[in-house]
């Protein structure tokens, strides 16, 4: 459902800047902020759920990716 909101120039500029930084539309940024403010989205809970799925002692997905990138860079340097 469409909704109009009036923002002062400074806040509008910040919204535009943050949307560009994240690579999303202004609408997506505002919707995300509202969902968080209203308790409909909790990124910390999602992170805890994902971490609980990772077996203890196993590398996390980000560590695995980092190791893969380091290995590829080492391989490029040795060529």
PDB file of N, CA and C in Angstrom:
ATOM      1  N   UNK A   1       0.841  -1.164   0.000  1.00  0.00           N
ATOM      2  CA  UNK A   1       0.000   0.000   0.000  1.00  0.00           C
ATOM      3  C   UNK A   1       0.893   1.236   0.000  1.00  0.00           C
ATOM      4  N   UNK A   2       0.691   2.151  -0.919  1.00  0.00           N
ATOM      5  CA  UNK A   2       1.500   3.366  -0.970  1.00  0.00           C
ATOM      6  C   UNK A   2       1.294   4.233   0.267  1.00  0.00           C
ATOM      7  N   UNK A   3       2.370   4.914   0.642  1.00  0.00           N
ATOM      8  CA  UNK A   3       2.322   5.803   1.808  1.00  0.00           C
ATOM      9  C   UNK A   3       3.278   6.956   1.546  1.00  0.00           C
ATOM     10  N   UNK A   4       2.878   8.149   1.859  1.00  0.00           N
ATOM     11  CA  UNK A   4       3.743   9.324   1.689  1.00  0.00           C
ATOM     12  C   UNK A   4       4.208   9.803   3.054  1.00  0.00           C
ATOM     13  N   UNK A   5       5.467  10.168   3.114  1.00  0.00           N
ATOM     14  CA  UNK A   5       6.036  10.691   4.354  1.00  0.00           C
ATOM     15  C   UNK A   5       6.875  11.909   3.983  1.00  0.00           C
ATOM     16  N   UNK A   6       6.727  12.974   4.718  1.00  0.00           N
ATOM     17  CA  UNK A   6       7.523  14.182   4.478  1.00  0.00           C
ATOM     18  C   UNK A   6       8.771  14.132   5.357  1.00  0.00           C
ATOM     19  N   UNK A   7       9.913  14.303   4.716  1.00  0.00           N
ATOM     20  CA  UNK A   7      11.191  14.313   5.428  1.00  0.00           C
ATOM     21  C   UNK A   7      11.853  15.665   5.224  1.00  0.00           C
ATOM     22  N   UNK A   8      12.594  16.122   6.233  1.00  0.00           N
ATOM     23  CA  UNK A   8      13.356  17.349   5.999  1.00  0.00           C
ATOM     24  C   UNK A   8      14.510  17.006   5.063  1.00  0.00           C
ATOM     25  N   UNK A   9      15.094  18.020   4.472  1.00  0.00           N
ATOM     26  CA  UNK A   9      16.118  17.815   3.444  1.00  0.00           C
ATOM     27  C   UNK A   9      17.309  17.004   3.944  1.00  0.00           C
ATOM     28  N   UNK A  10      17.718  17.241   5.182  1.00  0.00           N
ATOM     29  CA  UNK A  10      18.873  16.533   5.739  1.00  0.00           C
ATOM     30  C   UNK A  10      18.592  15.049   5.881  1.00  0.00           C
ATOM     31  N   UNK A  11      17.427  14.709   6.415  1.00  0.00           N
ATOM     32  CA  UNK A  11      17.076  13.300   6.600  1.00  0.00           C
ATOM     33  C   UNK A  11      16.895  12.602   5.254  1.00  0.00           C
ATOM     34  N   UNK A  12      16.284  13.286   4.312  1.00  0.00           N
ATOM     35  CA  UNK A  12      16.111  12.695   2.991  1.00  0.00           C
ATOM     36  C   UNK A  12      17.460  12.408   2.332  1.00  0.00           C
ATOM     37  N   UNK A  13      18.397  13.331   2.486  1.00  0.00           N
ATOM     38  CA  UNK A  13      19.737  13.122   1.922  1.00  0.00           C
ATOM     39  C   UNK A  13      20.420  11.927   2.567  1.00  0.00           C
ATOM     40  N   UNK A  14      20.253  11.774   3.878  1.00  0.00           N
ATOM     41  CA  UNK A  14      20.848  10.628   4.583  1.00  0.00           C
ATOM     42  C   UNK A  14      20.227   9.325   4.116  1.00  0.00           C
ATOM     43  N   UNK A  15      18.903   9.314   3.912  1.00  0.00           N
ATOM     44  CA  UNK A  15      18.218   8.109   3.424  1.00  0.00           C
ATOM     45  C   UNK A  15      18.746   7.748   2.040  1.00  0.00           C
ATOM     46  N   UNK A  16      18.849   8.730   1.157  1.00  0.00           N
ATOM     47  CA  UNK A  16      19.372   8.482  -0.193  1.00  0.00           C
ATOM     48  C   UNK A  16      20.797   7.949  -0.144  1.00  0.00           C
ATOM     49  N   UNK A  17      21.629   8.560   0.686  1.00  0.00           N
ATOM     50  CA  UNK A  17      23.029   8.144   0.806  1.00  0.00           C
ATOM     51  C   UNK A  17      23.136   6.710   1.319  1.00  0.00           C
ATOM     52  N   UNK A  18      22.378   6.372   2.348  1.00  0.00           N
ATOM     53  CA  UNK A  18      22.443   5.025   2.919  1.00  0.00           C
ATOM     54  C   UNK A  18      21.889   3.986   1.950  1.00  0.00           C
ATOM     55  N   UNK A  19      20.836   4.331   1.240  1.00  0.00           N
ATOM     56  CA  UNK A  19      20.274   3.410   0.252  1.00  0.00           C
ATOM     57  C   UNK A  19      21.302   3.127  -0.847  1.00  0.00           C
ATOM     58  N   UNK A  20      21.985   4.170  -1.314  1.00  0.00           N
ATOM     59  CA  UNK A  20      23.027   3.973  -2.331  1.00  0.00           C
ATOM     60  C   UNK A  20      24.154   3.107  -1.788  1.00  0.00           C
ATOM     61  N   UNK A  21      24.560   3.376  -0.544  1.00  0.00           N
ATOM     62  CA  UNK A  21      25.655   2.600   0.069  1.00  0.00           C
ATOM     63  C   UNK A  21      25.302   1.126   0.147  1.00  0.00           C
ATOM     64  N   UNK A  22      24.066   0.830   0.504  1.00  0.00           N
ATOM     65  CA  UNK A  22      23.627  -0.565   0.626  1.00  0.00           C
ATOM     66  C   UNK A  22      23.226  -1.190  -0.698  1.00  0.00           C
ATOM     67  N   UNK A  23      23.016  -0.357  -1.717  1.00  0.00           N
ATOM     68  CA  UNK A  23      22.601  -0.875  -3.013  1.00  0.00           C
ATOM     69  C   UNK A  23      21.140  -1.295  -3.035  1.00  0.00           C
ATOM     70  N   UNK A  24      20.304  -0.568  -2.295  1.00  0.00           N
ATOM     71  CA  UNK A  24      18.872  -0.862  -2.251  1.00  0.00           C
ATOM     72  C   UNK A  24      18.100   0.412  -2.571  1.00  0.00           C
ATOM     73  N   UNK A  25      16.805   0.271  -2.785  1.00  0.00           N
ATOM     74  CA  UNK A  25      15.977   1.442  -3.018  1.00  0.00           C
ATOM     75  C   UNK A  25      15.708   2.148  -1.695  1.00  0.00           C
ATOM     76  N   UNK A  26      15.299   3.406  -1.795  1.00  0.00           N
ATOM     77  CA  UNK A  26      14.934   4.147  -0.581  1.00  0.00           C
ATOM     78  C   UNK A  26      13.762   3.456   0.103  1.00  0.00           C
ATOM     79  N   UNK A  27      12.815   2.962  -0.683  1.00  0.00           N
ATOM     80  CA  UNK A  27      11.660   2.265  -0.107  1.00  0.00           C
ATOM     81  C   UNK A  27      12.099   1.048   0.692  1.00  0.00           C
ATOM     82  N   UNK A  28      13.022   0.253   0.128  1.00  0.00           N
ATOM     83  CA  UNK A  28      13.495  -0.947   0.828  1.00  0.00           C
ATOM     84  C   UNK A  28      14.191  -0.566   2.133  1.00  0.00           C
ATOM     85  N   UNK A  29      14.959   0.512   2.106  1.00  0.00           N
ATOM     86  CA  UNK A  29      15.657   0.963   3.314  1.00  0.00           C
ATOM     87  C   UNK A  29      14.654   1.376   4.389  1.00  0.00           C
ATOM     88  N   UNK A  30      13.646   2.143   4.006  1.00  0.00           N
ATOM     89  CA  UNK A  30      12.647   2.610   4.972  1.00  0.00           C
ATOM     90  C   UNK A  30      11.838   1.438   5.513  1.00  0.00           C
ATOM     91  N   UNK A  31      11.459   0.503   4.648  1.00  0.00           N
ATOM     92  CA  UNK A  31      10.704  -0.676   5.100  1.00  0.00           C
ATOM     93  C   UNK A  31      11.527  -1.474   6.104  1.00  0.00           C
ATOM     94  N   UNK A  32      12.810  -1.679   5.804  1.00  0.00           N
ATOM     95  CA  UNK A  32      13.684  -2.418   6.721  1.00  0.00           C
ATOM     96  C   UNK A  32      13.764  -1.710   8.070  1.00  0.00           C
ATOM     97  N   UNK A  33      13.937  -0.389   8.050  1.00  0.00           N
ATOM     98  CA  UNK A  33      14.030   0.374   9.300  1.00  0.00           C
ATOM     99  C   UNK A  33      12.735   0.278  10.104  1.00  0.00           C
ATOM    100  N   UNK A  34      11.595   0.358   9.423  1.00  0.00           N
ATOM    101  CA  UNK A  34      10.312   0.253  10.122  1.00  0.00           C
ATOM    102  C   UNK A  34      10.113  -1.145  10.709  1.00  0.00           C
ATOM    103  N   UNK A  35      10.469  -2.177   9.954  1.00  0.00           N
ATOM    104  CA  UNK A  35      10.324  -3.545  10.467  1.00  0.00           C
ATOM    105  C   UNK A  35      11.170  -3.741  11.720  1.00  0.00           C
ATOM    106  N   UNK A  36      12.381  -3.198  11.718  1.00  0.00           N
ATOM    107  CA  UNK A  36      13.243  -3.311  12.901  1.00  0.00           C
ATOM    108  C   UNK A  36      12.661  -2.529  14.073  1.00  0.00           C
ATOM    109  N   UNK A  37      12.201  -1.301  13.801  1.00  0.00           N
ATOM    110  CA  UNK A  37      11.654  -0.446  14.866  1.00  0.00           C
ATOM    111  C   UNK A  37      10.393  -1.040  15.480  1.00  0.00           C
ATOM    112  N   UNK A  38       9.610  -1.755  14.677  1.00  0.00           N
ATOM    113  CA  UNK A  38       8.361  -2.338  15.156  1.00  0.00           C
ATOM    114  C   UNK A  38       8.539  -3.755  15.698  1.00  0.00           C
ATOM    115  N   UNK A  39       9.784  -4.246  15.706  1.00  0.00           N
ATOM    116  CA  UNK A  39      10.055  -5.572  16.247  1.00  0.00           C
ATOM    117  C   UNK A  39       9.665  -6.708  15.316  1.00  0.00           C
ATOM    118  N   UNK A  40       9.455  -6.390  14.047  1.00  0.00           N
ATOM    119  CA  UNK A  40       9.090  -7.429  13.083  1.00  0.00           C
ATOM    120  C   UNK A  40      10.312  -8.129  12.511  1.00  0.00           C
ATOM    121  N   UNK A  41      11.465  -7.515  12.666  1.00  0.00           N
ATOM    122  CA  UNK A  41      12.708  -8.083  12.139  1.00  0.00           C
ATOM    123  C   UNK A  41      13.777  -7.911  13.200  1.00  0.00           C
ATOM    124  N   UNK A  42      14.446  -9.003  13.549  1.00  0.00           N
ATOM    125  CA  UNK A  42      15.483  -8.964  14.567  1.00  0.00           C
ATOM    126  C   UNK A  42      16.739  -9.633  14.021  1.00  0.00           C
ATOM    127  N   UNK A  43      17.665  -8.851  13.455  1.00  0.00           N
ATOM    128  CA  UNK A  43      18.873  -9.438  12.877  1.00  0.00           C
ATOM    129  C   UNK A  43      19.705 -10.227  13.883  1.00  0.00           C
ATOM    130  N   UNK A  44      19.703  -9.821  15.133  1.00  0.00           N
ATOM    131  CA  UNK A  44      20.479 -10.539  16.157  1.00  0.00           C
ATOM    132  C   UNK A  44      19.913 -11.940  16.364  1.00  0.00           C
ATOM    133  N   UNK A  45      18.596 -12.072  16.351  1.00  0.00           N
ATOM    134  CA  UNK A  45      17.958 -13.390  16.511  1.00  0.00           C
ATOM    135  C   UNK A  45      18.313 -14.287  15.327  1.00  0.00           C
ATOM    136  N   UNK A  46      18.279 -13.717  14.118  1.00  0.00           N
ATOM    137  CA  UNK A  46      18.627 -14.494  12.941  1.00  0.00           C
ATOM    138  C   UNK A  46      20.070 -14.983  13.024  1.00  0.00           C
ATOM    139  N   UNK A  47      20.982 -14.129  13.455  1.00  0.00           N
ATOM    140  CA  UNK A  47      22.384 -14.522  13.602  1.00  0.00           C
ATOM    141  C   UNK A  47      22.531 -15.649  14.619  1.00  0.00           C
ATOM    142  N   UNK A  48      21.821 -15.544  15.749  1.00  0.00           N
ATOM    143  CA  UNK A  48      21.879 -16.619  16.758  1.00  0.00           C
ATOM    144  C   UNK A  48      21.362 -17.930  16.184  1.00  0.00           C
ATOM    145  N   UNK A  49      20.282 -17.885  15.416  1.00  0.00           N
ATOM    146  CA  UNK A  49      19.736 -19.101  14.815  1.00  0.00           C
ATOM    147  C   UNK A  49      20.732 -19.732  13.856  1.00  0.00           C
ATOM    148  N   UNK A  50      21.366 -18.915  13.049  1.00  0.00           N
ATOM    149  CA  UNK A  50      22.346 -19.441  12.089  1.00  0.00           C
ATOM    150  C   UNK A  50      23.537 -20.035  12.821  1.00  0.00           C
ATOM    151  N   UNK A  51      24.015 -19.339  13.844  1.00  0.00           N
ATOM    152  CA  UNK A  51      25.158 -19.859  14.611  1.00  0.00           C
ATOM    153  C   UNK A  51      24.810 -21.158  15.311  1.00  0.00           C
ATOM    154  N   UNK A  52      23.561 -21.325  15.735  1.00  0.00           N
ATOM    155  CA  UNK A  52      23.175 -22.563  16.413  1.00  0.00           C
ATOM    156  C   UNK A  52      23.160 -23.744  15.446  1.00  0.00           C
ATOM    157  N   UNK A  53      23.068 -23.480  14.158  1.00  0.00           N
ATOM    158  CA  UNK A  53      23.074 -24.555  13.166  1.00  0.00           C
ATOM    159  C   UNK A  53      24.489 -25.010  12.825  1.00  0.00           C
ATOM    160  N   UNK A  54      25.489 -24.184  13.138  1.00  0.00           N
ATOM    161  CA  UNK A  54      26.877 -24.519  12.859  1.00  0.00           C
ATOM    162  C   UNK A  54      27.395 -25.437  13.957  1.00  0.00           C
ATOM    163  N   UNK A  55      27.887 -26.638  13.591  1.00  0.00           N
ATOM    164  CA  UNK A  55      28.410 -27.552  14.616  1.00  0.00           C
ATOM    165  C   UNK A  55      29.572 -26.915  15.381  1.00  0.00           C
ATOM    166  N   UNK A  56      29.636 -27.215  16.662  1.00  0.00           N
ATOM    167  CA  UNK A  56      30.711 -26.676  17.490  1.00  0.00           C
ATOM    168  C   UNK A  56      32.063 -27.145  16.950  1.00  0.00           C
ATOM    169  N   UNK A  57      32.992 -26.239  16.859  1.00  0.00           N
ATOM    170  CA  UNK A  57      34.325 -26.570  16.376  1.00  0.00           C
ATOM    171  C   UNK A  57      34.452 -26.489  14.866  1.00  0.00           C
ATOM    172  N   UNK A  58      33.333 -26.440  14.156  1.00  0.00           N
ATOM    173  CA  UNK A  58      33.394 -26.343  12.696  1.00  0.00           C
ATOM    174  C   UNK A  58      33.607 -24.881  12.315  1.00  0.00           C
ATOM    175  N   UNK A  59      34.326 -24.625  11.218  1.00  0.00           N
ATOM    176  CA  UNK A  59      34.518 -23.244  10.805  1.00  0.00           C
ATOM    177  C   UNK A  59      33.195 -22.648  10.349  1.00  0.00           C
ATOM    178  N   UNK A  60      32.997 -21.371  10.616  1.00  0.00           N
ATOM    179  CA  UNK A  60      31.781 -20.719  10.152  1.00  0.00           C
ATOM    180  C   UNK A  60      31.885 -20.495   8.658  1.00  0.00           C
ATOM    181  N   UNK A  61      30.787 -20.176   8.033  1.00  0.00           N
ATOM    182  CA  UNK A  61      30.764 -19.954   6.592  1.00  0.00           C
ATOM    183  C   UNK A  61      31.719 -18.831   6.206  1.00  0.00           C
ATOM    184  N   UNK A  62      31.767 -17.764   7.006  1.00  0.00           N
ATOM    185  CA  UNK A  62      32.646 -16.645   6.666  1.00  0.00           C
ATOM    186  C   UNK A  62      34.109 -17.045   6.794  1.00  0.00           C
ATOM    187  N   UNK A  63      34.450 -17.856   7.788  1.00  0.00           N
ATOM    188  CA  UNK A  63      35.829 -18.316   7.920  1.00  0.00           C
ATOM    189  C   UNK A  63      36.204 -19.191   6.739  1.00  0.00           C
ATOM    190  N   UNK A  64      35.273 -20.037   6.302  1.00  0.00           N
ATOM    191  CA  UNK A  64      35.521 -20.915   5.174  1.00  0.00           C
ATOM    192  C   UNK A  64      35.773 -20.093   3.913  1.00  0.00           C
ATOM    193  N   UNK A  65      34.992 -19.062   3.680  1.00  0.00           N
ATOM    194  CA  UNK A  65      35.164 -18.210   2.515  1.00  0.00           C
ATOM    195  C   UNK A  65      36.498 -17.494   2.600  1.00  0.00           C
ATOM    196  N   UNK A  66      36.843 -16.988   3.768  1.00  0.00           N
ATOM    197  CA  UNK A  66      38.115 -16.300   3.936  1.00  0.00           C
ATOM    198  C   UNK A  66      39.274 -17.227   3.609  1.00  0.00           C
ATOM    199  N   UNK A  67      39.200 -18.455   4.058  1.00  0.00           N
ATOM    200  CA  UNK A  67      40.261 -19.416   3.772  1.00  0.00           C
ATOM    201  C   UNK A  67      40.352 -19.697   2.272  1.00  0.00           C
ATOM    202  N   UNK A  68      39.217 -19.791   1.620  1.00  0.00           N
ATOM    203  CA  UNK A  68      39.211 -20.033   0.178  1.00  0.00           C
ATOM    204  C   UNK A  68      39.827 -18.862  -0.581  1.00  0.00           C
ATOM    205  N   UNK A  69      39.497 -17.651  -0.169  1.00  0.00           N
ATOM    206  CA  UNK A  69      40.055 -16.464  -0.828  1.00  0.00           C
ATOM    207  C   UNK A  69      41.558 -16.407  -0.617  1.00  0.00           C
ATOM    208  N   UNK A  70      42.017 -16.674   0.604  1.00  0.00           N
ATOM    209  CA  UNK A  70      43.458 -16.669   0.867  1.00  0.00           C
ATOM    210  C   UNK A  70      44.171 -17.713   0.004  1.00  0.00           C
ATOM    211  N   UNK A  71      43.584 -18.889  -0.121  1.00  0.00           N
ATOM    212  CA  UNK A  71      44.194 -19.943  -0.931  1.00  0.00           C
ATOM    213  C   UNK A  71      44.277 -19.527  -2.398  1.00  0.00           C
ATOM    214  N   UNK A  72      43.229 -18.894  -2.905  1.00  0.00           N
ATOM    215  CA  UNK A  72      43.251 -18.448  -4.303  1.00  0.00           C
ATOM    216  C   UNK A  72      44.302 -17.360  -4.517  1.00  0.00           C
ATOM    217  N   UNK A  73      44.434 -16.441  -3.569  1.00  0.00           N
ATOM    218  CA  UNK A  73      45.446 -15.391  -3.687  1.00  0.00           C
ATOM    219  C   UNK A  73      46.849 -15.977  -3.644  1.00  0.00           C
ATOM    220  N   UNK A  74      47.069 -16.954  -2.750  1.00  0.00           N
ATOM    221  CA  UNK A  74      48.372 -17.621  -2.684  1.00  0.00           C
ATOM    222  C   UNK A  74      48.692 -18.305  -4.011  1.00  0.00           C
ATOM    223  N   UNK A  75      47.691 -18.964  -4.577  1.00  0.00           N
ATOM    224  CA  UNK A  75      47.887 -19.663  -5.854  1.00  0.00           C
ATOM    225  C   UNK A  75      48.227 -18.683  -6.966  1.00  0.00           C
ATOM    226  N   UNK A  76      47.572 -17.509  -6.981  1.00  0.00           N
ATOM    227  CA  UNK A  76      47.860 -16.505  -8.006  1.00  0.00           C
ATOM    228  C   UNK A  76      49.279 -15.988  -7.866  1.00  0.00           C
ATOM    229  N   UNK A  77      49.714 -15.761  -6.619  1.00  0.00           N
ATOM    230  CA  UNK A  77      51.062 -15.233  -6.388  1.00  0.00           C
ATOM    231  C   UNK A  77      52.136 -16.228  -6.796  1.00  0.00           C
ATOM    232  N   UNK A  78      51.851 -17.502  -6.635  1.00  0.00           N
ATOM    233  CA  UNK A  78      52.862 -18.523  -6.952  1.00  0.00           C
ATOM    234  C   UNK A  78      52.949 -18.812  -8.445  1.00  0.00           C
ATOM    235  N   UNK A  79      51.978 -18.336  -9.227  1.00  0.00           N
ATOM    236  CA  UNK A  79      52.005 -18.552 -10.692  1.00  0.00           C
ATOM    237  C   UNK A  79      53.053 -17.709 -11.358  1.00  0.00           C
TER     238      UNK A  79
END
